[in-house]
């Protein structure tokens, strides 16, 4: 297991690019895919099965192309996948309270846009929609999913 406590650099850094290219040419670059780059604590596996724990401080920001490990013959590069969102438009106060309770109880990540709450999908959208459909004031909700 590799524990990452700081970001080494980025694939766009000129002083690293040549070295990274050589390691990649020799088959030593692993990719860690991650959707939620706002997280500072996370655990996952690279495309080659290496277990990676990310434990960053609050000032570090993950972004696509971040280099998490750089050794003479090996590197781990972060690749982000597009975050999927379910949008919920709420038409009355009772439904808003119940949706807020549901979201908080499930610890779902959200963002707010004018007139709607957007819920980050981790897994399948179906699970989120089933929970939202169980709300008593369902008729006051409009659930929009791209799935």
N, C-alpha and C. Protein backbone atom coordinates (compact mmCIF):
# COMPACT_ATOMS: atom_id res chain seq x y z
N UNK A 1 0.84 -1.17 0.00
CA UNK A 1 0.00 0.00 0.00
C UNK A 1 0.89 1.25 0.00
N UNK A 2 0.46 2.22 -0.80
CA UNK A 2 1.18 3.49 -0.87
C UNK A 2 0.31 4.56 -0.23
N UNK A 3 0.90 5.34 0.68
CA UNK A 3 0.19 6.45 1.31
C UNK A 3 0.71 7.74 0.70
N UNK A 4 -0.20 8.52 0.12
CA UNK A 4 0.15 9.78 -0.51
C UNK A 4 -0.24 10.91 0.43
N UNK A 5 0.76 11.67 0.89
CA UNK A 5 0.49 12.79 1.79
C UNK A 5 0.72 14.14 1.13
N UNK A 6 1.28 14.10 -0.08
CA UNK A 6 1.48 15.34 -0.84
C UNK A 6 1.51 15.04 -2.33
N UNK A 7 1.19 16.05 -3.10
CA UNK A 7 1.20 15.92 -4.55
C UNK A 7 2.61 16.25 -5.03
N UNK A 8 3.19 15.35 -5.83
CA UNK A 8 4.55 15.52 -6.32
C UNK A 8 4.62 16.60 -7.38
N UNK A 9 3.61 16.66 -8.23
CA UNK A 9 3.61 17.62 -9.32
C UNK A 9 2.46 17.33 -10.25
N UNK A 10 2.61 17.77 -11.49
CA UNK A 10 1.58 17.56 -12.50
C UNK A 10 2.23 17.08 -13.78
N UNK A 11 1.45 16.37 -14.59
CA UNK A 11 1.98 15.89 -15.87
C UNK A 11 2.33 17.06 -16.78
N UNK A 12 1.86 18.25 -16.48
CA UNK A 12 2.16 19.43 -17.30
C UNK A 12 3.41 20.17 -16.84
N UNK A 13 3.99 19.76 -15.72
CA UNK A 13 5.21 20.41 -15.23
C UNK A 13 6.38 20.08 -16.15
N UNK A 14 7.00 21.10 -16.71
CA UNK A 14 8.09 20.89 -17.66
C UNK A 14 9.26 20.11 -17.06
N UNK A 15 9.60 20.39 -15.80
CA UNK A 15 10.75 19.74 -15.19
C UNK A 15 10.51 18.26 -14.88
N UNK A 16 9.26 17.80 -15.00
CA UNK A 16 8.93 16.40 -14.74
C UNK A 16 8.59 15.65 -16.03
N UNK A 17 8.16 16.37 -17.05
CA UNK A 17 7.60 15.77 -18.27
C UNK A 17 8.52 14.75 -18.92
N UNK A 18 9.80 15.08 -19.08
CA UNK A 18 10.71 14.16 -19.74
C UNK A 18 10.91 12.88 -18.92
N UNK A 19 11.07 13.04 -17.63
CA UNK A 19 11.24 11.89 -16.75
C UNK A 19 9.99 11.00 -16.77
N UNK A 20 8.82 11.61 -16.72
CA UNK A 20 7.57 10.87 -16.75
C UNK A 20 7.40 10.15 -18.10
N UNK A 21 7.80 10.79 -19.17
CA UNK A 21 7.72 10.18 -20.49
C UNK A 21 8.60 8.92 -20.56
N UNK A 22 9.79 9.00 -20.00
CA UNK A 22 10.69 7.83 -19.99
C UNK A 22 10.09 6.70 -19.17
N UNK A 23 9.55 7.01 -18.00
CA UNK A 23 8.94 5.98 -17.14
C UNK A 23 7.74 5.35 -17.87
N UNK A 24 6.96 6.18 -18.54
CA UNK A 24 5.80 5.68 -19.28
C UNK A 24 6.25 4.77 -20.42
N UNK A 25 7.29 5.17 -21.12
CA UNK A 25 7.83 4.38 -22.23
C UNK A 25 8.29 3.00 -21.75
N UNK A 26 8.77 2.94 -20.51
CA UNK A 26 9.24 1.68 -19.94
C UNK A 26 8.12 0.91 -19.24
N UNK A 27 6.87 1.42 -19.33
CA UNK A 27 5.72 0.73 -18.74
C UNK A 27 5.57 0.92 -17.25
N UNK A 28 6.13 1.98 -16.71
CA UNK A 28 6.10 2.17 -15.26
C UNK A 28 5.07 3.15 -14.74
N UNK A 29 4.19 3.66 -15.60
CA UNK A 29 3.18 4.63 -15.14
C UNK A 29 1.88 3.89 -14.84
N UNK A 30 1.37 4.10 -13.62
CA UNK A 30 0.08 3.56 -13.21
C UNK A 30 -0.91 4.71 -13.12
N UNK A 31 -2.18 4.42 -13.32
CA UNK A 31 -3.22 5.44 -13.29
C UNK A 31 -4.19 5.13 -12.15
N UNK A 32 -4.47 6.15 -11.36
CA UNK A 32 -5.48 6.06 -10.31
C UNK A 32 -6.65 6.92 -10.75
N UNK A 33 -7.82 6.31 -10.93
CA UNK A 33 -9.00 7.05 -11.35
C UNK A 33 -9.82 7.45 -10.13
N UNK A 34 -10.30 8.69 -10.16
CA UNK A 34 -11.03 9.23 -9.02
C UNK A 34 -12.01 10.28 -9.53
N UNK A 35 -13.23 10.25 -9.05
CA UNK A 35 -14.23 11.22 -9.50
C UNK A 35 -14.27 12.44 -8.59
N UNK A 36 -14.17 12.24 -7.30
CA UNK A 36 -14.36 13.32 -6.34
C UNK A 36 -13.02 13.91 -5.91
N UNK A 37 -12.56 14.90 -6.64
CA UNK A 37 -11.25 15.50 -6.34
C UNK A 37 -11.30 16.46 -5.17
N UNK A 38 -12.47 16.68 -4.58
CA UNK A 38 -12.56 17.54 -3.40
C UNK A 38 -12.18 16.78 -2.13
N UNK A 39 -12.17 15.48 -2.20
CA UNK A 39 -11.85 14.67 -1.02
C UNK A 39 -10.36 14.77 -0.70
N UNK A 40 -10.04 14.78 0.58
CA UNK A 40 -8.65 14.82 1.04
C UNK A 40 -8.21 13.47 1.60
N UNK A 41 -9.20 12.63 1.90
CA UNK A 41 -8.94 11.29 2.41
C UNK A 41 -9.69 10.32 1.49
N UNK A 42 -8.95 9.36 0.93
CA UNK A 42 -9.58 8.45 -0.02
C UNK A 42 -8.70 7.23 -0.20
N UNK A 43 -9.30 6.12 -0.56
CA UNK A 43 -8.55 4.90 -0.81
C UNK A 43 -9.05 4.28 -2.11
N UNK A 44 -8.11 3.85 -2.93
CA UNK A 44 -8.47 3.23 -4.20
C UNK A 44 -7.34 2.38 -4.74
N UNK A 45 -7.56 1.82 -5.92
CA UNK A 45 -6.54 0.99 -6.56
C UNK A 45 -6.23 1.56 -7.95
N UNK A 46 -4.97 1.46 -8.31
CA UNK A 46 -4.55 1.90 -9.64
C UNK A 46 -5.02 0.88 -10.68
N UNK A 47 -4.80 1.21 -11.93
CA UNK A 47 -5.16 0.30 -13.01
C UNK A 47 -4.34 -0.99 -12.98
N UNK A 48 -3.29 -1.02 -12.17
CA UNK A 48 -2.48 -2.24 -12.04
C UNK A 48 -2.64 -2.90 -10.68
N UNK A 49 -3.62 -2.42 -9.89
CA UNK A 49 -3.95 -3.06 -8.62
C UNK A 49 -3.20 -2.56 -7.41
N UNK A 50 -2.39 -1.52 -7.55
CA UNK A 50 -1.67 -0.98 -6.40
C UNK A 50 -2.66 -0.26 -5.49
N UNK A 51 -2.66 -0.61 -4.21
CA UNK A 51 -3.53 0.02 -3.22
C UNK A 51 -2.94 1.38 -2.86
N UNK A 52 -3.74 2.43 -2.99
CA UNK A 52 -3.28 3.80 -2.73
C UNK A 52 -4.21 4.46 -1.72
N UNK A 53 -3.63 5.05 -0.69
CA UNK A 53 -4.38 5.83 0.28
C UNK A 53 -3.96 7.28 0.10
N UNK A 54 -4.93 8.15 -0.10
CA UNK A 54 -4.66 9.58 -0.20
C UNK A 54 -5.01 10.21 1.14
N UNK A 55 -4.05 10.91 1.73
CA UNK A 55 -4.24 11.58 3.02
C UNK A 55 -3.56 12.96 2.93
N UNK A 56 -4.23 13.89 2.26
CA UNK A 56 -3.67 15.21 2.02
C UNK A 56 -4.11 16.21 3.08
N UNK A 57 -3.33 17.29 3.21
CA UNK A 57 -3.77 18.36 4.11
C UNK A 57 -4.78 19.24 3.37
N UNK A 58 -5.42 20.12 4.08
CA UNK A 58 -6.53 20.91 3.52
C UNK A 58 -6.09 21.86 2.41
N UNK A 59 -4.83 22.20 2.32
CA UNK A 59 -4.36 23.15 1.31
C UNK A 59 -4.08 22.51 -0.05
N UNK A 60 -3.91 21.20 -0.09
CA UNK A 60 -3.61 20.51 -1.34
C UNK A 60 -4.88 20.29 -2.14
N UNK A 61 -4.76 20.45 -3.47
CA UNK A 61 -5.90 20.25 -4.35
C UNK A 61 -5.57 19.19 -5.39
N UNK A 62 -6.43 18.20 -5.49
CA UNK A 62 -6.27 17.17 -6.51
C UNK A 62 -6.87 17.65 -7.82
N UNK A 63 -6.18 17.33 -8.90
CA UNK A 63 -6.72 17.66 -10.22
C UNK A 63 -6.23 16.61 -11.21
N UNK A 64 -6.91 16.55 -12.34
CA UNK A 64 -6.53 15.61 -13.37
C UNK A 64 -5.07 15.81 -13.74
N UNK A 65 -4.31 14.72 -13.77
CA UNK A 65 -2.90 14.79 -14.12
C UNK A 65 -1.96 14.99 -12.94
N UNK A 66 -2.50 15.02 -11.73
CA UNK A 66 -1.63 15.15 -10.55
C UNK A 66 -0.75 13.91 -10.44
N UNK A 67 0.52 14.12 -10.15
CA UNK A 67 1.45 13.01 -9.95
C UNK A 67 1.50 12.73 -8.46
N UNK A 68 1.10 11.51 -8.09
CA UNK A 68 1.01 11.13 -6.69
C UNK A 68 2.25 10.40 -6.20
N UNK A 69 2.98 9.80 -7.13
CA UNK A 69 4.21 9.08 -6.80
C UNK A 69 5.15 9.20 -7.98
N UNK A 70 6.41 9.49 -7.70
CA UNK A 70 7.41 9.57 -8.76
C UNK A 70 8.70 8.95 -8.24
N UNK A 71 8.98 7.76 -8.75
CA UNK A 71 10.19 7.02 -8.40
C UNK A 71 11.02 6.86 -9.67
N UNK A 72 12.23 6.36 -9.58
CA UNK A 72 13.06 6.21 -10.79
C UNK A 72 12.42 5.38 -11.90
N UNK A 73 11.66 4.33 -11.56
CA UNK A 73 11.09 3.48 -12.59
C UNK A 73 9.56 3.36 -12.49
N UNK A 74 8.95 4.18 -11.65
CA UNK A 74 7.51 4.05 -11.42
C UNK A 74 6.89 5.40 -11.09
N UNK A 75 5.66 5.60 -11.57
CA UNK A 75 4.91 6.81 -11.25
C UNK A 75 3.43 6.46 -11.15
N UNK A 76 2.71 7.21 -10.32
CA UNK A 76 1.25 7.07 -10.23
C UNK A 76 0.66 8.43 -10.57
N UNK A 77 -0.24 8.43 -11.57
CA UNK A 77 -0.86 9.65 -12.05
C UNK A 77 -2.36 9.57 -11.79
N UNK A 78 -2.93 10.66 -11.31
CA UNK A 78 -4.37 10.73 -11.04
C UNK A 78 -5.11 11.14 -12.31
N UNK A 79 -6.14 10.40 -12.63
CA UNK A 79 -7.03 10.76 -13.73
C UNK A 79 -8.43 10.88 -13.16
N UNK A 80 -9.08 11.97 -13.47
CA UNK A 80 -10.42 12.18 -12.95
C UNK A 80 -11.45 11.74 -13.97
N UNK A 81 -12.50 11.19 -13.46
CA UNK A 81 -13.63 10.85 -14.33
C UNK A 81 -14.71 11.89 -14.09
N UNK A 82 -15.54 12.10 -15.05
CA UNK A 82 -16.57 13.12 -14.94
C UNK A 82 -17.54 12.78 -13.81
N UNK A 83 -17.78 13.73 -12.96
CA UNK A 83 -18.74 13.56 -11.87
C UNK A 83 -20.15 13.61 -12.44
N UNK A 84 -20.97 12.65 -12.07
CA UNK A 84 -22.36 12.65 -12.49
C UNK A 84 -23.22 13.25 -11.38
N UNK A 85 -24.28 13.92 -11.76
CA UNK A 85 -25.15 14.60 -10.79
C UNK A 85 -26.61 14.29 -11.08
N UNK A 86 -27.39 14.19 -10.01
CA UNK A 86 -28.85 14.14 -10.11
C UNK A 86 -29.33 15.51 -9.65
N UNK A 87 -30.23 16.08 -10.43
CA UNK A 87 -30.77 17.39 -10.06
C UNK A 87 -32.16 17.20 -9.49
N UNK A 88 -32.44 17.92 -8.40
CA UNK A 88 -33.75 17.83 -7.76
C UNK A 88 -34.30 19.24 -7.63
N UNK A 89 -35.47 19.45 -8.21
CA UNK A 89 -36.19 20.71 -8.06
C UNK A 89 -37.33 20.46 -7.07
N UNK A 90 -37.46 21.33 -6.11
CA UNK A 90 -38.41 21.14 -5.02
C UNK A 90 -39.43 22.28 -5.05
N UNK A 91 -40.73 21.90 -4.98
CA UNK A 91 -41.78 22.89 -5.13
C UNK A 91 -42.45 23.34 -3.84
N UNK A 92 -42.17 22.70 -2.70
CA UNK A 92 -42.77 23.19 -1.45
C UNK A 92 -41.87 22.93 -0.25
N UNK A 93 -42.17 23.61 0.83
CA UNK A 93 -41.33 23.59 2.03
C UNK A 93 -41.28 22.21 2.68
N UNK A 94 -42.40 21.50 2.74
CA UNK A 94 -42.42 20.16 3.35
C UNK A 94 -41.49 19.20 2.59
N UNK A 95 -41.57 19.25 1.27
CA UNK A 95 -40.69 18.40 0.47
C UNK A 95 -39.23 18.79 0.66
N UNK A 96 -38.96 20.09 0.74
CA UNK A 96 -37.58 20.56 0.94
C UNK A 96 -37.01 20.04 2.25
N UNK A 97 -37.81 20.07 3.31
CA UNK A 97 -37.35 19.57 4.60
C UNK A 97 -37.05 18.07 4.53
N UNK A 98 -37.95 17.34 3.90
CA UNK A 98 -37.76 15.89 3.80
C UNK A 98 -36.56 15.52 2.92
N UNK A 99 -36.38 16.24 1.81
CA UNK A 99 -35.21 16.00 0.95
C UNK A 99 -33.93 16.33 1.72
N UNK A 100 -33.92 17.45 2.41
CA UNK A 100 -32.75 17.82 3.21
C UNK A 100 -32.41 16.77 4.25
N UNK A 101 -33.43 16.24 4.91
CA UNK A 101 -33.22 15.19 5.90
C UNK A 101 -32.64 13.95 5.24
N UNK A 102 -33.21 13.56 4.09
CA UNK A 102 -32.75 12.37 3.36
C UNK A 102 -31.29 12.54 2.94
N UNK A 103 -30.96 13.68 2.37
CA UNK A 103 -29.59 13.94 1.91
C UNK A 103 -28.61 13.89 3.08
N UNK A 104 -28.96 14.55 4.17
CA UNK A 104 -28.08 14.56 5.34
C UNK A 104 -27.92 13.19 5.95
N UNK A 105 -28.99 12.44 6.03
CA UNK A 105 -28.96 11.11 6.63
C UNK A 105 -28.11 10.16 5.80
N UNK A 106 -28.08 10.34 4.48
CA UNK A 106 -27.30 9.49 3.59
C UNK A 106 -25.87 10.01 3.41
N UNK A 107 -25.58 11.19 3.92
CA UNK A 107 -24.25 11.83 3.78
C UNK A 107 -23.89 12.05 2.31
N UNK A 108 -24.89 12.39 1.51
CA UNK A 108 -24.65 12.64 0.10
C UNK A 108 -23.99 13.99 -0.08
N UNK A 109 -23.07 14.07 -1.04
CA UNK A 109 -22.46 15.35 -1.39
C UNK A 109 -23.41 16.10 -2.30
N UNK A 110 -23.56 17.39 -2.04
CA UNK A 110 -24.47 18.20 -2.84
C UNK A 110 -23.82 19.51 -3.22
N UNK A 111 -24.42 20.13 -4.21
CA UNK A 111 -24.12 21.52 -4.50
C UNK A 111 -25.46 22.18 -4.83
N UNK A 112 -25.51 23.47 -4.63
CA UNK A 112 -26.75 24.19 -4.80
C UNK A 112 -26.67 25.12 -5.99
N UNK A 113 -27.68 25.05 -6.81
CA UNK A 113 -27.83 25.94 -7.95
C UNK A 113 -29.18 26.62 -7.80
N UNK A 114 -29.38 27.76 -8.43
CA UNK A 114 -30.67 28.44 -8.29
C UNK A 114 -31.83 27.50 -8.64
N UNK A 115 -32.70 27.31 -7.69
CA UNK A 115 -33.90 26.50 -7.91
C UNK A 115 -33.73 25.00 -7.80
N UNK A 116 -32.52 24.52 -7.50
CA UNK A 116 -32.35 23.07 -7.41
C UNK A 116 -31.17 22.69 -6.52
N UNK A 117 -31.24 21.45 -6.08
CA UNK A 117 -30.14 20.81 -5.36
C UNK A 117 -29.56 19.77 -6.31
N UNK A 118 -28.24 19.70 -6.40
CA UNK A 118 -27.60 18.70 -7.23
C UNK A 118 -26.88 17.72 -6.31
N UNK A 119 -27.13 16.45 -6.54
CA UNK A 119 -26.57 15.38 -5.70
C UNK A 119 -25.53 14.62 -6.51
N UNK A 120 -24.31 14.52 -5.97
CA UNK A 120 -23.24 13.79 -6.64
C UNK A 120 -23.54 12.30 -6.60
N UNK A 121 -23.45 11.66 -7.77
CA UNK A 121 -23.74 10.22 -7.88
C UNK A 121 -22.44 9.45 -7.75
N UNK A 122 -22.41 8.58 -6.77
CA UNK A 122 -21.29 7.66 -6.59
C UNK A 122 -21.89 6.26 -6.64
N UNK A 123 -21.71 5.59 -7.72
CA UNK A 123 -22.38 4.30 -7.93
C UNK A 123 -23.42 4.49 -9.02
N UNK A 124 -24.60 3.94 -8.77
CA UNK A 124 -25.65 4.06 -9.77
C UNK A 124 -26.68 5.10 -9.35
N UNK A 125 -27.20 5.83 -10.32
CA UNK A 125 -28.22 6.85 -10.05
C UNK A 125 -29.50 6.20 -9.53
N UNK A 126 -29.75 4.97 -9.93
CA UNK A 126 -30.97 4.26 -9.54
C UNK A 126 -31.14 4.23 -8.01
N UNK A 127 -30.06 3.99 -7.28
CA UNK A 127 -30.12 3.92 -5.82
C UNK A 127 -30.57 5.26 -5.23
N UNK A 128 -30.06 6.35 -5.76
CA UNK A 128 -30.41 7.68 -5.28
C UNK A 128 -31.88 7.99 -5.60
N UNK A 129 -32.28 7.66 -6.82
CA UNK A 129 -33.65 7.94 -7.26
C UNK A 129 -34.65 7.14 -6.43
N UNK A 130 -34.33 5.88 -6.12
CA UNK A 130 -35.22 5.07 -5.29
C UNK A 130 -35.41 5.71 -3.92
N UNK A 131 -34.33 6.20 -3.31
CA UNK A 131 -34.44 6.88 -2.01
C UNK A 131 -35.30 8.12 -2.12
N UNK A 132 -35.05 8.92 -3.15
CA UNK A 132 -35.82 10.15 -3.33
C UNK A 132 -37.29 9.86 -3.64
N UNK A 133 -37.56 8.77 -4.35
CA UNK A 133 -38.94 8.41 -4.65
C UNK A 133 -39.71 7.94 -3.42
N UNK A 134 -39.00 7.58 -2.36
CA UNK A 134 -39.68 7.13 -1.13
C UNK A 134 -40.13 8.30 -0.25
N UNK A 135 -39.79 9.49 -0.63
CA UNK A 135 -40.18 10.68 0.15
C UNK A 135 -41.69 10.86 0.06
N UNK A 136 -42.32 11.15 1.20
CA UNK A 136 -43.78 11.27 1.25
C UNK A 136 -44.31 12.39 0.36
N UNK A 137 -43.57 13.45 0.24
CA UNK A 137 -44.00 14.60 -0.56
C UNK A 137 -43.42 14.52 -1.98
N UNK A 138 -43.33 13.31 -2.51
CA UNK A 138 -42.72 13.06 -3.82
C UNK A 138 -43.35 13.89 -4.93
N UNK A 139 -44.63 14.18 -4.83
CA UNK A 139 -45.31 14.93 -5.90
C UNK A 139 -44.79 16.36 -6.01
N UNK A 140 -44.09 16.84 -4.98
CA UNK A 140 -43.54 18.20 -5.00
C UNK A 140 -42.09 18.21 -5.48
N UNK A 141 -41.61 17.05 -6.00
CA UNK A 141 -40.23 16.95 -6.48
C UNK A 141 -40.19 16.70 -7.98
N UNK A 142 -39.18 17.24 -8.59
CA UNK A 142 -38.84 16.88 -9.97
C UNK A 142 -37.41 16.37 -9.93
N UNK A 143 -37.21 15.10 -10.27
CA UNK A 143 -35.90 14.47 -10.23
C UNK A 143 -35.40 14.32 -11.65
N UNK A 144 -34.22 14.84 -11.92
CA UNK A 144 -33.66 14.82 -13.26
C UNK A 144 -32.32 14.10 -13.20
N UNK A 145 -32.20 13.02 -13.98
CA UNK A 145 -30.96 12.26 -14.02
C UNK A 145 -30.54 12.06 -15.45
N UNK A 146 -29.23 12.07 -15.69
CA UNK A 146 -28.71 11.83 -17.03
C UNK A 146 -28.58 10.36 -17.34
N UNK A 147 -28.75 9.49 -16.34
CA UNK A 147 -28.64 8.03 -16.55
C UNK A 147 -29.92 7.47 -17.14
